[in-house]
Protein backbone atom coordinates (compact mmCIF):
# COMPACT_ATOMS: atom_id res chain seq x y z
CA MET A 1 -24.16 15.63 -8.70
CA PRO A 2 -25.28 11.91 -9.21
CA SER A 3 -28.87 11.18 -10.44
CA SER A 4 -31.37 10.62 -7.81
CA THR A 5 -31.69 6.87 -8.59
CA SER A 6 -28.02 5.92 -8.98
CA HIS A 7 -26.58 3.06 -7.15
CA ILE A 8 -23.10 2.45 -7.08
CA ALA A 9 -21.35 -1.11 -5.87
CA ILE A 10 -17.81 -0.88 -4.45
CA VAL A 11 -16.27 -4.15 -4.57
CA GLY A 12 -13.60 -4.30 -1.68
CA ALA A 13 -13.37 -2.50 1.37
CA GLY A 14 -9.54 -1.60 1.19
CA ILE A 15 -8.30 1.77 1.95
CA GLY A 16 -9.07 2.86 -1.64
CA GLY A 17 -12.67 1.61 -1.41
CA LEU A 18 -13.23 3.20 2.01
CA ALA A 19 -11.95 6.68 0.82
CA ALA A 20 -14.22 6.32 -2.52
CA ALA A 21 -17.26 5.33 -0.27
CA LEU A 22 -16.79 8.28 1.81
CA ARG A 23 -16.55 10.65 -1.17
CA LEU A 24 -19.43 9.01 -3.04
CA ALA A 25 -21.71 8.98 -0.10
CA HIS A 26 -20.80 12.72 0.62
CA SER A 27 -21.76 13.45 -3.00
CA GLY A 28 -25.18 11.95 -2.40
CA ALA A 29 -24.86 8.72 -4.17
CA LYS A 30 -26.27 5.30 -2.68
CA VAL A 31 -23.37 3.27 -2.21
CA SER A 32 -23.13 -0.46 -1.40
CA VAL A 33 -19.73 -2.12 -0.57
CA PHE A 34 -19.24 -5.84 -0.94
CA GLU A 35 -16.26 -7.20 0.88
CA GLN A 36 -15.10 -10.95 0.63
CA HIS A 37 -13.41 -10.65 4.14
CA SER A 38 -15.09 -10.11 7.36
CA THR A 39 -13.57 -6.72 8.17
CA PRO A 40 -12.57 -3.46 6.42
CA GLY A 41 -8.83 -2.54 5.47
CA GLY A 42 -7.96 -4.91 2.79
CA LYS A 43 -4.08 -5.31 3.09
CA MET A 44 -4.32 -3.08 6.21
CA ARG A 45 -5.05 -6.17 8.19
CA THR A 46 -4.33 -7.26 11.80
CA VAL A 47 -3.93 -10.74 13.37
CA PRO A 48 -4.76 -11.74 16.88
CA SER A 49 -1.93 -12.31 19.50
CA ALA A 50 -1.53 -12.68 23.19
CA ALA A 51 -0.76 -8.87 23.49
CA GLY A 52 -3.63 -7.79 21.21
CA PRO A 53 -4.27 -7.33 17.57
CA VAL A 54 -1.01 -6.99 15.64
CA ASP A 55 -0.74 -4.95 12.41
CA ALA A 56 0.19 -7.42 9.67
CA GLY A 57 0.32 -4.89 6.71
CA PRO A 58 1.01 -1.23 6.70
CA THR A 59 2.50 0.22 10.07
CA VAL A 60 2.38 4.01 9.86
CA LEU A 61 0.88 7.06 8.00
CA THR A 62 2.80 9.05 5.52
CA MET A 63 1.84 11.85 3.23
CA LYS A 64 -0.68 12.99 5.86
CA PRO A 65 -1.96 15.77 3.80
CA VAL A 66 -3.74 13.22 1.52
CA PHE A 67 -5.71 12.22 4.58
CA ASP A 68 -6.43 15.65 5.76
CA SER A 69 -7.82 16.52 2.23
CA LEU A 70 -9.98 13.48 2.10
CA PHE A 71 -11.66 14.30 5.52
CA THR A 72 -11.84 18.13 4.76
CA ASP A 73 -13.60 17.52 1.41
CA ILE A 74 -16.39 15.63 3.19
CA GLY A 75 -16.89 18.12 5.89
CA GLU A 76 -15.08 16.30 8.48
CA ARG A 77 -11.57 16.48 10.39
CA LEU A 78 -9.26 13.68 10.35
CA GLU A 79 -8.18 14.23 14.05
CA ASP A 80 -11.96 13.90 15.15
CA HIS A 81 -11.85 10.40 14.05
CA VAL A 82 -8.35 9.00 14.76
CA THR A 83 -5.46 10.05 16.98
CA LEU A 84 -2.09 10.60 15.13
CA THR A 85 1.30 11.11 16.61
CA LYS A 86 4.16 12.20 14.59
CA GLU A 87 7.12 9.96 15.15
CA PRO A 88 10.69 11.79 15.64
CA LEU A 89 12.45 8.54 14.57
CA LEU A 90 11.82 7.29 11.02
CA ALA A 91 13.93 4.12 11.18
CA ARG A 92 16.83 2.61 12.92
CA HIS A 93 19.26 0.68 10.86
CA TYR A 94 21.73 -2.20 11.63
CA TRP A 95 24.36 -3.78 9.73
CA SER A 96 26.22 -6.95 10.72
CA ASP A 97 29.43 -5.18 11.20
CA GLY A 98 28.03 -3.20 14.11
CA THR A 99 27.15 0.13 12.23
CA THR A 100 23.94 1.66 13.48
CA LEU A 101 22.12 4.71 11.82
CA ASP A 102 18.97 6.39 12.90
CA LEU A 103 17.14 8.64 10.39
CA MET A 104 15.15 11.16 11.80
CA ALA A 105 12.16 13.38 11.00
CA ASN A 106 14.47 16.29 11.61
CA GLN A 107 16.84 16.73 8.54
CA SER A 108 19.61 18.06 10.63
CA ASP A 109 19.56 15.32 13.01
CA SER A 110 19.63 12.83 10.24
CA ILE A 111 22.72 14.65 8.63
CA ALA A 112 24.50 14.57 12.02
CA ASN A 113 23.83 11.02 12.58
CA VAL A 114 25.03 10.01 8.97
CA ALA A 115 28.24 11.96 9.83
CA ALA A 116 28.84 10.18 12.94
CA ALA A 117 28.29 6.71 11.21
CA PHE A 118 30.14 7.42 7.93
CA GLY A 119 31.88 10.65 8.15
CA LYS A 120 31.39 14.24 6.85
CA ARG A 121 31.84 13.46 3.25
CA ALA A 122 28.88 10.81 3.47
CA ALA A 123 26.92 13.38 5.40
CA SER A 124 27.37 15.92 2.49
CA GLU A 125 26.37 13.26 -0.09
CA PHE A 126 23.18 12.48 1.93
CA GLU A 127 22.48 16.12 2.06
CA ARG A 128 22.59 16.33 -1.78
CA PHE A 129 20.62 13.29 -2.18
CA SER A 130 17.95 14.51 0.10
CA ALA A 131 17.92 17.63 -1.84
CA ARG A 132 17.71 15.74 -5.17
CA ALA A 133 14.85 13.67 -3.87
CA ALA A 134 12.91 16.75 -2.90
CA ARG A 135 13.15 18.40 -6.12
CA LEU A 136 11.90 15.01 -7.77
CA PHE A 137 8.94 15.02 -5.49
CA ASP A 138 8.08 18.52 -5.88
CA ALA A 139 8.37 18.28 -9.61
CA PHE A 140 5.99 15.15 -10.06
CA ASP A 141 3.69 15.14 -7.09
CA VAL A 142 1.07 17.40 -8.64
CA PRO A 143 1.20 16.57 -12.50
CA MET A 144 1.75 12.82 -11.66
CA MET A 145 0.29 11.58 -8.42
CA HIS A 146 -2.46 14.26 -7.96
CA ALA A 147 -3.59 14.00 -11.83
CA GLY A 148 -6.25 11.37 -12.59
CA ASN A 149 -4.83 10.69 -16.05
CA PRO A 150 -1.34 11.88 -16.31
CA SER A 151 0.23 12.26 -19.83
CA ALA A 152 3.77 11.09 -20.50
CA LEU A 153 3.89 13.74 -23.27
CA SER A 154 2.78 16.67 -20.96
CA LEU A 155 5.42 15.47 -18.25
CA THR A 156 8.07 15.31 -20.77
CA ALA A 157 7.32 18.84 -21.69
CA ARG A 158 7.48 19.75 -18.12
CA VAL A 159 10.87 18.20 -17.90
CA LEU A 160 12.08 19.90 -20.94
CA ARG A 161 11.13 23.37 -19.63
CA HIS A 162 13.04 22.56 -16.39
CA PRO A 163 16.16 20.44 -18.05
CA SER A 164 17.86 20.23 -14.56
CA LEU A 165 15.18 17.54 -13.63
CA ILE A 166 16.75 15.35 -16.42
CA ARG A 167 19.96 14.95 -14.22
CA ASP A 168 17.88 14.42 -11.10
CA MET A 169 15.71 11.79 -12.82
CA ALA A 170 18.77 9.98 -14.33
CA PRO A 171 16.30 8.49 -16.75
CA HIS A 172 18.97 5.74 -18.06
CA GLN A 173 19.83 4.48 -14.73
CA THR A 174 18.20 2.05 -12.27
CA LEU A 175 17.75 3.17 -8.67
CA ALA A 176 20.82 1.00 -7.57
CA GLY A 177 22.91 2.56 -10.46
CA SER A 178 22.05 6.03 -9.57
CA LEU A 179 22.57 5.46 -5.88
CA ALA A 180 26.04 4.03 -6.70
CA THR A 181 27.13 7.32 -8.12
CA GLN A 182 25.63 9.55 -5.49
CA PHE A 183 27.05 7.56 -2.40
CA ARG A 184 30.57 6.38 -2.03
CA GLU A 185 29.54 4.54 1.09
CA PRO A 186 28.02 1.37 -0.13
CA LYS A 187 25.57 1.05 3.14
CA LEU A 188 23.92 4.27 2.22
CA ALA A 189 23.36 3.20 -1.47
CA GLN A 190 21.92 -0.02 0.06
CA LEU A 191 19.72 1.73 2.50
CA PHE A 192 18.12 3.99 -0.10
CA GLY A 193 17.89 1.21 -2.65
CA ARG A 194 15.53 -0.58 -0.30
CA TYR A 195 12.89 2.22 -0.92
CA ALA A 196 12.15 0.45 -4.23
CA THR A 197 10.65 -2.39 -2.11
CA TYR A 198 8.05 0.10 -0.74
CA VAL A 199 6.32 -0.07 -4.09
CA GLY A 200 7.08 -3.69 -4.79
CA GLY A 201 10.38 -3.44 -6.89
CA ARG A 202 13.97 -4.40 -6.84
CA PRO A 203 16.53 -1.47 -6.87
CA ASP A 204 18.42 -3.04 -9.66
CA ALA A 205 15.48 -2.95 -11.94
CA SER A 206 13.46 -0.10 -10.77
CA PRO A 207 13.67 3.60 -12.23
CA ALA A 208 16.19 6.12 -10.54
CA ILE A 209 13.18 8.51 -10.01
CA LEU A 210 11.79 6.42 -7.18
CA SER A 211 14.43 8.14 -4.94
CA LEU A 212 11.60 10.54 -4.23
CA ILE A 213 10.15 8.18 -1.96
CA TRP A 214 12.62 9.07 0.52
CA HIS A 215 11.33 12.66 0.50
CA ALA A 216 7.73 11.24 1.15
CA GLU A 217 8.83 9.46 4.18
CA ALA A 218 11.26 12.37 5.42
CA GLN A 219 8.27 14.62 5.50
CA GLY A 220 7.07 12.53 8.32
CA VAL A 221 5.61 9.21 9.66
CA TRP A 222 2.48 9.25 11.86
CA HIS A 223 1.55 6.33 14.42
CA VAL A 224 -2.26 5.79 14.65
CA ASP A 225 -3.36 5.13 18.08
CA GLY A 226 -4.63 1.59 18.09
CA GLY A 227 -2.87 0.38 14.84
CA MET A 228 -3.41 1.25 11.33
CA HIS A 229 -6.36 -0.85 11.11
CA ARG A 230 -8.12 1.64 13.50
CA LEU A 231 -7.94 4.12 10.51
CA ALA A 232 -9.98 1.52 8.35
CA GLN A 233 -12.64 0.97 11.24
CA ALA A 234 -12.84 5.05 11.44
CA MET A 235 -13.63 5.19 7.81
CA GLU A 236 -16.06 2.57 7.79
CA GLN A 237 -17.91 3.91 10.69
CA LEU A 238 -17.98 7.40 9.15
CA ALA A 239 -19.14 5.90 5.82
CA ILE A 240 -22.07 4.24 7.62
CA LYS A 241 -23.12 7.46 9.29
CA LEU A 242 -23.17 9.03 5.69
CA GLY A 243 -25.50 6.29 4.42
CA VAL A 244 -23.03 3.45 3.01
CA THR A 245 -24.05 -0.08 3.54
CA PHE A 246 -21.40 -2.70 3.86
CA HIS A 247 -21.82 -6.46 3.29
CA TYR A 248 -18.89 -8.42 4.67
CA ASP A 249 -18.20 -12.17 4.04
CA THR A 250 -19.74 -11.53 0.62
CA PRO A 251 -17.43 -12.22 -2.48
CA VAL A 252 -18.54 -10.80 -5.84
CA THR A 253 -18.41 -13.46 -8.47
CA ALA A 254 -18.91 -11.38 -11.72
CA LEU A 255 -19.14 -7.76 -13.00
CA GLU A 256 -21.41 -6.52 -15.71
CA PRO A 257 -21.98 -3.26 -17.20
CA ASP A 258 -25.05 -2.71 -14.97
CA ALA A 259 -24.88 -5.24 -12.25
CA VAL A 260 -22.76 -7.19 -9.87
CA LEU A 261 -23.30 -10.84 -9.18
CA VAL A 262 -23.08 -11.73 -5.37
CA GLU A 263 -23.92 -15.09 -4.04
CA GLY A 264 -26.37 -16.03 -6.94
CA ALA A 265 -28.01 -12.75 -6.90
CA ARG A 266 -27.85 -10.24 -9.71
CA ILE A 267 -27.83 -6.81 -8.23
CA ALA A 268 -28.46 -3.92 -10.65
CA VAL A 269 -26.21 -0.99 -10.26
CA ASP A 270 -25.50 2.13 -12.36
CA GLN A 271 -21.56 2.17 -11.76
CA THR A 272 -19.02 -0.41 -10.33
CA LEU A 273 -15.90 0.58 -8.48
CA PHE A 274 -13.49 -2.26 -8.28
CA ASN A 275 -11.04 -2.06 -5.37
CA GLY A 276 -9.08 -5.36 -6.04
CA ASP A 277 -6.07 -6.31 -8.03
CA PRO A 278 -6.80 -5.39 -11.87
CA ASN A 279 -5.27 -8.62 -12.48
CA ALA A 280 -8.57 -10.47 -11.39
CA LEU A 281 -10.13 -8.69 -14.36
CA THR A 282 -7.74 -9.77 -17.03
CA THR A 283 -7.61 -13.36 -15.97
CA GLY A 284 -11.50 -13.59 -16.11
CA ALA A 285 -11.79 -14.13 -12.45
CA LEU A 286 -14.75 -11.62 -12.35
CA GLY A 287 -16.58 -12.85 -15.62
CA GLU A 288 -16.28 -12.49 -19.36
CA HIS A 289 -17.76 -9.02 -19.29
CA ALA A 290 -14.80 -7.67 -17.43
CA LYS A 291 -12.08 -9.69 -19.07
CA ASN A 292 -11.07 -6.98 -21.39
CA ALA A 293 -11.72 -4.01 -19.26
CA VAL A 294 -8.08 -3.36 -18.76
CA SER A 295 -4.99 -4.43 -21.14
CA SER A 296 -2.70 -7.15 -19.98
CA ASP A 297 0.21 -5.06 -19.78
CA ALA A 298 -1.52 -2.86 -17.19
CA THR A 299 -1.13 -5.73 -14.68
CA ALA A 300 2.04 -7.48 -15.73
CA PRO A 301 4.79 -8.05 -14.73
CA ARG A 302 3.76 -8.55 -11.02
CA SER A 303 5.49 -6.84 -7.97
CA LEU A 304 7.06 -8.29 -5.13
CA SER A 305 5.29 -10.15 -2.36
CA ALA A 306 6.40 -10.83 1.30
CA TYR A 307 6.70 -13.21 4.03
CA VAL A 308 5.23 -11.61 7.01
CA HIS A 309 5.65 -12.64 10.83
CA ALA A 310 3.03 -11.18 13.06
CA PHE A 311 3.39 -12.24 16.95
CA ALA A 312 3.71 -11.17 20.34
CA ALA A 313 6.89 -11.95 22.54
CA LYS A 314 9.43 -10.34 24.65
CA ALA A 315 12.60 -9.00 22.67
CA VAL A 316 16.05 -8.98 24.21
CA GLY A 317 19.59 -8.29 22.81
CA VAL A 318 19.20 -5.21 20.45
CA ASP A 319 17.74 -1.58 21.21
CA LEU A 320 14.86 -1.69 18.81
CA ALA A 321 13.06 1.38 17.53
CA PRO A 322 9.39 1.28 16.48
CA HIS A 323 10.88 0.78 12.95
CA THR A 324 14.01 -1.30 12.75
CA VAL A 325 16.00 -2.48 9.69
CA PHE A 326 18.45 -5.40 9.93
CA PHE A 327 20.48 -5.38 6.61
CA GLY A 328 21.78 -8.27 4.55
CA ASP A 329 25.50 -8.45 3.80
CA SER A 330 24.96 -8.07 0.18
CA SER A 331 22.13 -6.74 -2.08
CA ASP A 332 22.78 -9.69 -4.37
CA GLY A 333 21.86 -12.19 -1.71
CA GLU A 334 18.47 -10.58 -1.45
CA PHE A 335 17.65 -9.28 -5.14
CA LEU A 336 19.12 -12.04 -7.26
CA PRO A 337 17.11 -14.74 -5.55
CA LEU A 338 13.99 -12.51 -5.96
CA SER A 339 14.59 -11.88 -9.54
CA GLU A 340 14.69 -15.76 -10.10
CA GLY A 341 11.46 -16.27 -8.07
CA ARG A 342 13.25 -17.66 -5.01
CA MET A 343 13.34 -16.75 -1.27
CA PRO A 344 16.42 -14.63 -0.55
CA HIS A 345 19.19 -16.18 1.43
CA ASP A 346 20.85 -13.08 2.64
CA PRO A 347 17.91 -10.86 3.40
CA THR A 348 17.24 -7.51 4.88
CA LEU A 349 14.60 -7.82 7.54
CA TYR A 350 12.16 -5.06 8.63
CA ILE A 351 10.64 -5.23 12.19
CA CYS A 352 7.74 -3.07 13.24
CA SER A 353 7.61 -2.77 17.14
CA GLN A 354 4.01 -1.66 17.38
CA ASP A 355 4.03 -0.95 21.11
CA ARG A 356 7.18 1.39 20.90
CA PHE A 357 5.77 4.25 18.97
CA GLY A 358 5.37 7.35 21.01
CA GLY A 359 8.54 6.61 22.99
CA ARG A 360 6.95 3.73 24.95
CA GLN A 361 9.23 0.97 26.35
CA PRO A 362 7.29 -2.18 26.95
CA THR A 363 8.54 -4.44 29.77
CA GLY A 364 6.62 -7.60 28.96
CA ASP A 365 5.29 -9.22 25.74
CA GLU A 366 4.78 -6.70 22.78
CA ARG A 367 3.53 -6.84 19.30
CA PHE A 368 5.89 -7.43 16.34
CA GLU A 369 5.62 -7.51 12.39
CA ILE A 370 8.73 -8.89 10.67
CA ILE A 371 8.85 -8.59 6.85
CA LEU A 372 11.01 -10.32 4.53
CA ASN A 373 10.65 -9.27 0.76
CA GLY A 374 9.55 -12.49 -1.17
CA PRO A 375 8.77 -13.36 -4.99
CA PRO A 376 5.24 -13.26 -6.21
CA ALA A 377 3.43 -16.75 -5.88
CA GLN A 378 2.89 -18.76 -8.97
CA HIS A 379 0.01 -20.56 -7.62
CA PRO A 380 -2.26 -19.78 -4.68
CA THR A 381 -1.59 -22.86 -2.74
CA THR A 382 -0.98 -23.75 0.90
CA PRO A 383 2.63 -23.70 1.62
CA SER A 384 4.19 -26.94 2.70
CA GLU A 385 5.51 -27.24 6.47
CA LYS A 386 9.04 -27.52 4.83
CA GLU A 387 8.74 -24.09 3.14
CA ARG A 388 7.10 -22.43 6.14
CA GLN A 389 9.89 -23.85 8.47
CA GLN A 390 12.60 -22.85 5.97
CA CYS A 391 11.57 -19.15 6.16
CA GLN A 392 11.09 -19.34 10.01
CA THR A 393 14.68 -20.68 10.28
CA LEU A 394 16.19 -18.07 7.95
CA VAL A 395 14.34 -15.07 9.72
CA PHE A 396 15.05 -15.92 13.23
CA SER A 397 18.58 -17.27 12.72
CA ARG A 398 19.63 -13.95 10.84
CA LEU A 399 18.13 -11.95 13.86
CA LYS A 400 20.02 -14.15 16.28
CA ALA A 401 23.39 -13.25 14.43
CA PHE A 402 22.53 -9.58 15.04
CA GLY A 403 21.93 -10.63 18.89
CA LEU A 404 18.17 -10.25 18.75
CA THR A 405 16.10 -13.10 20.17
CA PHE A 406 12.45 -13.51 21.05
CA THR A 407 10.81 -15.39 23.94
CA PRO A 408 8.72 -17.20 23.36
CA LYS A 409 10.04 -18.06 19.87
CA PRO A 410 7.41 -17.51 17.50
CA ASN A 411 5.97 -20.61 15.68
CA PRO A 412 5.74 -21.03 12.01
CA GLY A 413 1.90 -20.33 12.26
CA THR A 414 2.63 -16.65 12.83
CA LEU A 415 4.03 -16.51 9.23
CA THR A 416 1.83 -15.42 6.23
CA MET A 417 3.66 -16.61 2.81
CA PRO A 418 3.21 -15.19 -0.61
CA ALA A 419 0.89 -18.30 -1.69
CA GLU A 420 -1.27 -17.31 1.10
CA PHE A 421 -1.31 -13.51 0.08
CA ALA A 422 -2.53 -15.03 -3.35
CA GLN A 423 -5.30 -16.77 -1.63
CA MET A 424 -6.41 -13.67 0.44
CA PHE A 425 -6.41 -11.33 -2.75
CA PRO A 426 -7.70 -13.27 -5.88
CA ALA A 427 -5.53 -13.31 -8.95
CA SER A 428 -2.88 -11.12 -7.36
CA ASN A 429 -0.28 -13.90 -7.33
CA GLY A 430 0.50 -12.83 -3.89
CA SER A 431 1.91 -9.47 -5.39
CA LEU A 432 1.14 -6.81 -2.65
CA TYR A 433 1.80 -3.76 -4.83
CA GLY A 434 0.09 -4.82 -8.09
CA ARG A 435 1.92 -4.22 -11.38
CA SER A 436 5.77 -4.15 -10.99
CA PRO A 437 7.34 -0.70 -10.99
CA HIS A 438 10.26 -1.87 -13.13
CA GLY A 439 11.12 0.27 -16.18
CA LEU A 440 11.01 4.02 -16.65
CA MET A 441 7.53 3.90 -18.17
CA ALA A 442 6.10 1.54 -15.65
CA ALA A 443 4.07 4.38 -14.01
CA PHE A 444 2.27 5.07 -17.13
CA LYS A 445 1.26 1.47 -17.81
CA ARG A 446 -0.91 1.07 -14.45
CA PRO A 447 -4.45 1.41 -15.15
CA THR A 448 -6.25 4.69 -14.50
CA ALA A 449 -9.75 4.88 -12.92
CA ARG A 450 -11.47 4.53 -16.22
CA THR A 451 -11.78 1.05 -17.82
CA ARG A 452 -12.88 -0.34 -21.27
CA MET A 453 -15.92 -1.45 -19.78
CA LYS A 454 -18.99 0.69 -19.44
CA GLY A 455 -19.64 1.64 -15.91
CA LEU A 456 -16.51 -0.04 -14.41
CA TYR A 457 -13.87 2.00 -12.55
CA LEU A 458 -10.75 1.13 -10.58
CA VAL A 459 -9.45 2.19 -7.32
CA GLY A 460 -6.73 0.94 -5.07
CA GLY A 461 -3.04 0.17 -5.07
CA GLY A 462 -3.33 -1.77 -8.33
CA ALA A 463 -4.50 1.41 -10.07
CA HIS A 464 -2.97 4.78 -10.74
CA PRO A 465 -1.07 6.51 -8.93
CA GLY A 466 0.30 3.24 -7.33
CA ALA A 467 0.92 1.22 -4.27
CA GLY A 468 0.91 2.23 -0.63
CA VAL A 469 -2.02 3.70 1.65
CA PRO A 470 -1.66 7.47 0.43
CA MET A 471 -1.62 6.32 -3.27
CA ALA A 472 -4.63 4.20 -2.86
CA THR A 473 -6.47 7.03 -1.11
CA LEU A 474 -5.44 9.64 -3.96
CA SER A 475 -6.68 7.07 -6.40
CA ALA A 476 -10.13 7.16 -4.76
CA LYS A 477 -10.40 11.04 -5.39
CA HIS A 478 -9.40 10.27 -9.01
CA ALA A 479 -11.91 7.43 -9.39
CA VAL A 480 -14.79 9.35 -7.96
CA GLU A 481 -14.00 12.48 -10.00
CA ALA A 482 -14.31 10.20 -13.03
CA MET A 483 -17.49 8.63 -11.94
CA LEU A 484 -19.36 11.78 -11.04
CA HIS A 485 -18.10 13.41 -14.29
CA ASP A 486 -19.49 10.48 -16.29
CA GLN A 487 -22.88 10.64 -14.40
CA THR A 488 -23.29 14.41 -15.16
CA SER A 489 -22.63 13.76 -18.68
CA THR A 490 -25.85 11.75 -18.97
CA SER A 491 -27.95 13.13 -16.22
CA THR A 492 -28.61 16.48 -14.65
CA SER A 493 -31.19 15.31 -12.09
CA PRO A 494 -30.34 16.58 -8.53
CA GLN A 495 -29.61 13.84 -5.77
CA ALA A 496 -30.72 13.81 -2.33
CA ALA A 497 -28.29 12.45 0.11
CA THR A 498 -29.05 9.02 1.41
CA ARG A 499 -28.45 8.60 5.34
CA GLY A 500 -28.54 5.85 7.81
CA GLY A 501 -26.24 3.23 6.60
CA MET A 502 -25.41 -0.16 7.96
CA SER A 503 -22.96 -2.98 8.21
CA THR A 504 -23.94 -6.44 7.62
CA ALA A 505 -22.31 -9.91 8.01
CA SER A 506 -23.27 -11.00 4.48
CA ALA A 507 -25.71 -9.80 1.69
CA THR A 508 -27.64 -13.03 2.07
CA THR A 509 -28.50 -12.35 5.64
CA ALA A 510 -31.44 -10.33 4.23
CA SER A 511 -33.41 -11.03 1.02
CA ALA A 512 -31.54 -10.63 -2.10
CA PRO A 513 -32.57 -7.33 -3.63
CA SER A 514 -34.57 -7.24 -6.86
CA ARG A 515 -33.38 -5.28 -9.81
CA SER A 516 -35.60 -2.44 -8.98
CA SER A 517 -34.89 -2.24 -5.15
CA ALA A 518 -31.12 -2.53 -5.89
CA SER A 519 -31.25 0.64 -8.33
């Protein structure tokens, strides 16, 4: 248990910071969360529209047991705080030649759909691919994702004890190369290559082992009633009940071994948990003390970014599912420009039709999120109107070629570009997934919870085990275990639980705490 005087600062109220706040508060620690934006959730954000808030980040929950465990560990039940519905349809896929494929939560249905679209041979290949992805997921879930500090040596030993895994991993192949050997149907190779982008990578440069992401999705996707941001709000409210204090619109300007600097005030803390892009540390954005907290190769090269439209309109011309993917005609038209730092000219487009979850069929304006993969931004500058219009034209012209149109047509103001993500998330370069997953050893280069700076820990998608809502939630478990372990190594004093937390607009709305009152 933490000492009775411990005060922990969490910098950032993304999903990792929220999950850590719950765990730390439940342990009895005094927790203060400082967030530069005005709401919780981080990249799990919404934007306003005529039809209500539109999810403009993650859209569904996968790996639900991770969230069940979080709430169980603090004596709560997930279903008492959010309403979840398991979706029978994972995603609908369209190609420009008229081919359509629905992948389902029910494996037998997916196999039948693949057979109907591409033939029995393709269905058999899909079935073998799915079994291979399941074996990889089962082999590496616990020793990699659920381990706070995984060892490449121990994982190598595990593989050597189960040599059949070597064939499944295809360690000398990229994901694209491996898929080309598994599927004689190029469209299926293209479809499953797209899963590399889920963690910010290109299939032609990401390791073949990332095919296990398909199994994580095939296990089920859940829609959160009210949108994904509702999960962040529910976690914030529960954290407040447990005694956590939230300070919004309050950027932290520097980190020290025993303090955080907030709007000119130095707030003494015993430990700090950073829920931001670790690249902010290495670039010196949070002061000299934290500059060497992680190595530079733990944050570079950078992952992909995105061009994200979020708006309300009426859609006509194509039968949309809650998740619909419109594929480009060639992978080179998307990933070659991305490798060169340019916007794709033949992109694959993902559309979330938020109001179609649960089998609903809206008749009027509904909410949409459209995602086009993009390169990281070189500078956090405001995009020019020419750049914005170029992306706008590319996206909606491409969808019109598939027969899909929106009324009213969204304007360029509904678009968030990589350079704007770079402004939202300091020192991120707009990369939405932290470090790039390219290369077989990339997973071992991400920083783990402990840093080189005493008292400073990491949580979130930029830290181990990686990007995505479930991974960030797992990172909170790893970080809290490390923090509490390090506390007990220096103190055995009991800690009484602190209750009665609050949420404030800004830390400066009250008197700046003194060193003693902040302890």
